[in-house]
Amino acid sequence: MHVVTIVLAAEEDELSSIGESNAPLDQWSGIEATGLDTLKVATLHCLLTGDSMQMALDLYEPAYVSAGETVVLRLADEVLEKLASLAGDAMKDVASELALTEEFERALWDAEAVLEQLTELSGLAQLAESQGQVLFVWIYFVEA
């Protein structure tokens, strides 16, 4: 099974439209985030907020599941704020720490790959914050 993941900046009330979309990047600002799944989102949350993994996993229960089994998560506001403010050495430090976690190591993400993804997420978070939007994670499972 292959997973397609896209992180989107959108209005809070667009959740169901996002969940039903077959091409969300055609409708909302976003980035492809290949390999980003619920565990990696929760791990990022923990690293940025200091919350426990169980608390993060509870937060990232699907906010929407379509009939076609597309899953949408909503990133916590605190994570959006932290992502939007990441820069320079702080971003490199977070990327290095994430790359050393079990979830990212298991997926063979090195610090450079994590930094690239984190940089894109930070830019999207800045856009969302400037427009009063939130971040959603759109996950679609494709049969291999």
Protein backbone atom coordinates (compact mmCIF):
# COMPACT_ATOMS: atom_id res chain seq x y z
CA MET A 1 0.00 0.00 0.00
CA HIS A 2 1.22 3.47 -0.93
CA VAL A 3 0.24 6.60 0.99
CA VAL A 4 -0.23 10.02 -0.63
CA THR A 5 0.02 12.86 1.89
CA ILE A 6 -0.62 16.54 1.30
CA VAL A 7 -0.54 19.31 3.90
CA LEU A 8 -2.98 22.13 3.14
CA ALA A 9 -3.64 25.65 4.40
CA ALA A 10 -7.38 26.24 4.45
CA GLU A 11 -10.27 27.74 6.35
CA GLU A 12 -11.45 25.73 9.35
CA ASP A 13 -14.91 25.19 7.83
CA GLU A 14 -13.47 23.60 4.66
CA LEU A 15 -12.72 20.27 6.39
CA SER A 16 -15.38 18.20 4.63
CA SER A 17 -14.60 19.75 1.23
CA ILE A 18 -10.96 18.84 1.70
CA GLY A 19 -11.89 15.30 2.71
CA GLU A 20 -14.02 14.83 -0.39
CA SER A 21 -11.51 16.39 -2.78
CA ASN A 22 -9.66 14.18 -5.26
CA ALA A 23 -7.11 16.90 -6.06
CA PRO A 24 -6.74 19.19 -3.05
CA LEU A 25 -3.65 20.98 -4.41
CA ASP A 26 -5.84 22.27 -7.26
CA GLN A 27 -8.11 23.98 -4.73
CA TRP A 28 -5.94 24.96 -1.75
CA SER A 29 -2.39 26.06 -1.05
CA GLY A 30 -0.35 23.11 0.09
CA ILE A 31 2.65 20.86 -0.24
CA GLU A 32 3.17 17.21 -1.00
CA ALA A 33 4.48 15.49 2.10
CA THR A 34 5.30 12.00 0.90
CA GLY A 35 5.69 9.61 3.80
CA LEU A 36 4.21 11.91 6.42
CA ASP A 37 1.70 9.85 8.39
CA THR A 38 -0.17 10.14 11.68
CA LEU A 39 2.76 8.84 13.74
CA LYS A 40 5.18 11.31 12.19
CA VAL A 41 2.71 14.17 12.69
CA ALA A 42 2.31 13.15 16.34
CA THR A 43 6.10 12.90 16.73
CA LEU A 44 6.53 16.40 15.30
CA HIS A 45 3.80 17.63 17.65
CA CYS A 46 5.59 16.13 20.67
CA LEU A 47 8.93 17.62 19.71
CA LEU A 48 7.49 21.10 19.16
CA THR A 49 5.15 21.21 22.17
CA GLY A 50 6.62 18.85 24.76
CA ASP A 51 3.30 16.96 24.95
CA SER A 52 3.32 13.19 25.47
CA MET A 53 2.95 10.84 22.50
CA GLN A 54 -0.38 9.58 23.84
CA MET A 55 -1.72 13.14 24.07
CA ALA A 56 -0.54 13.85 20.53
CA LEU A 57 -2.05 10.65 19.17
CA ASP A 58 -5.36 11.53 20.81
CA LEU A 59 -5.26 14.93 19.10
CA TYR A 60 -4.62 13.39 15.71
CA GLU A 61 -7.58 11.09 15.51
CA PRO A 62 -9.01 11.66 12.02
CA ALA A 63 -11.05 14.86 11.83
CA TYR A 64 -12.72 13.55 8.66
CA VAL A 65 -12.85 10.23 6.82
CA SER A 66 -14.45 10.14 3.37
CA ALA A 67 -16.38 7.23 1.87
CA GLY A 68 -13.31 6.69 -0.32
CA GLU A 69 -11.26 6.39 2.87
CA THR A 70 -9.36 9.65 2.53
CA VAL A 71 -8.33 10.71 6.04
CA VAL A 72 -7.93 14.33 7.10
CA LEU A 73 -6.11 15.44 10.24
CA ARG A 74 -6.11 18.98 11.60
CA LEU A 75 -2.79 20.20 12.96
CA ALA A 76 -3.05 21.72 16.42
CA ASP A 77 -2.89 25.52 16.53
CA GLU A 78 0.19 25.39 18.76
CA VAL A 79 2.02 23.27 16.16
CA LEU A 80 1.06 25.70 13.40
CA GLU A 81 2.41 28.61 15.47
CA LYS A 82 5.66 26.78 16.28
CA LEU A 83 6.15 25.73 12.65
CA ALA A 84 5.54 29.29 11.45
CA SER A 85 8.19 30.65 13.80
CA LEU A 86 10.90 28.05 13.04
CA ALA A 87 13.99 29.43 11.33
CA GLY A 88 17.73 29.01 11.04
CA ASP A 89 19.48 26.94 13.68
CA ALA A 90 16.23 26.18 15.52
CA MET A 91 14.82 24.55 12.38
CA LYS A 92 18.03 22.56 11.86
CA ASP A 93 17.93 21.41 15.50
CA VAL A 94 14.31 20.25 15.21
CA ALA A 95 15.09 18.45 11.94
CA SER A 96 18.06 16.68 13.52
CA GLU A 97 16.01 15.61 16.54
CA LEU A 98 13.16 14.36 14.35
CA ALA A 99 15.55 12.38 12.16
CA LEU A 100 16.74 10.55 15.30
CA THR A 101 13.24 9.45 16.35
CA GLU A 102 12.14 5.89 15.79
CA GLU A 103 9.32 6.94 13.44
CA PHE A 104 11.61 8.87 11.11
CA GLU A 105 14.56 6.46 11.36
CA ARG A 106 12.32 3.52 10.48
CA ALA A 107 11.20 5.39 7.35
CA LEU A 108 14.86 6.13 6.48
CA TRP A 109 14.47 9.91 6.65
CA ASP A 110 17.84 11.51 7.24
CA ALA A 111 18.31 14.96 8.79
CA GLU A 112 18.58 16.60 5.34
CA ALA A 113 15.28 15.10 4.13
CA VAL A 114 13.57 16.08 7.38
CA LEU A 115 14.96 19.62 7.13
CA GLU A 116 13.66 19.96 3.57
CA GLN A 117 10.17 18.83 4.62
CA LEU A 118 10.24 21.00 7.74
CA THR A 119 11.25 24.05 5.69
CA GLU A 120 8.27 23.52 3.38
CA LEU A 121 5.93 22.98 6.34
CA SER A 122 7.21 26.15 8.00
CA GLY A 123 6.57 28.19 4.86
CA LEU A 124 3.05 26.80 4.57
CA ALA A 125 2.42 27.47 8.27
CA GLN A 126 3.53 31.09 7.76
CA LEU A 127 1.08 31.42 4.85
CA ALA A 128 -1.75 29.88 6.87
CA GLU A 129 -1.04 32.09 9.87
CA SER A 130 -0.95 35.24 7.73
CA GLN A 131 -4.35 34.37 6.24
CA GLY A 132 -6.02 33.21 9.46
CA GLN A 133 -6.16 29.63 8.21
CA VAL A 134 -5.36 26.26 9.75
CA LEU A 135 -3.30 23.34 8.48
CA PHE A 136 -4.87 20.05 7.44
CA VAL A 137 -3.10 16.81 6.57
CA TRP A 138 -4.86 14.99 3.69
CA ILE A 139 -3.94 11.28 3.57
CA TYR A 140 -5.03 8.96 0.79
CA PHE A 141 -4.22 5.24 0.69
CA VAL A 142 -3.49 3.80 -2.75
CA GLU A 143 -3.43 0.07 -3.37
CA ALA A 144 -0.05 -0.97 -4.75
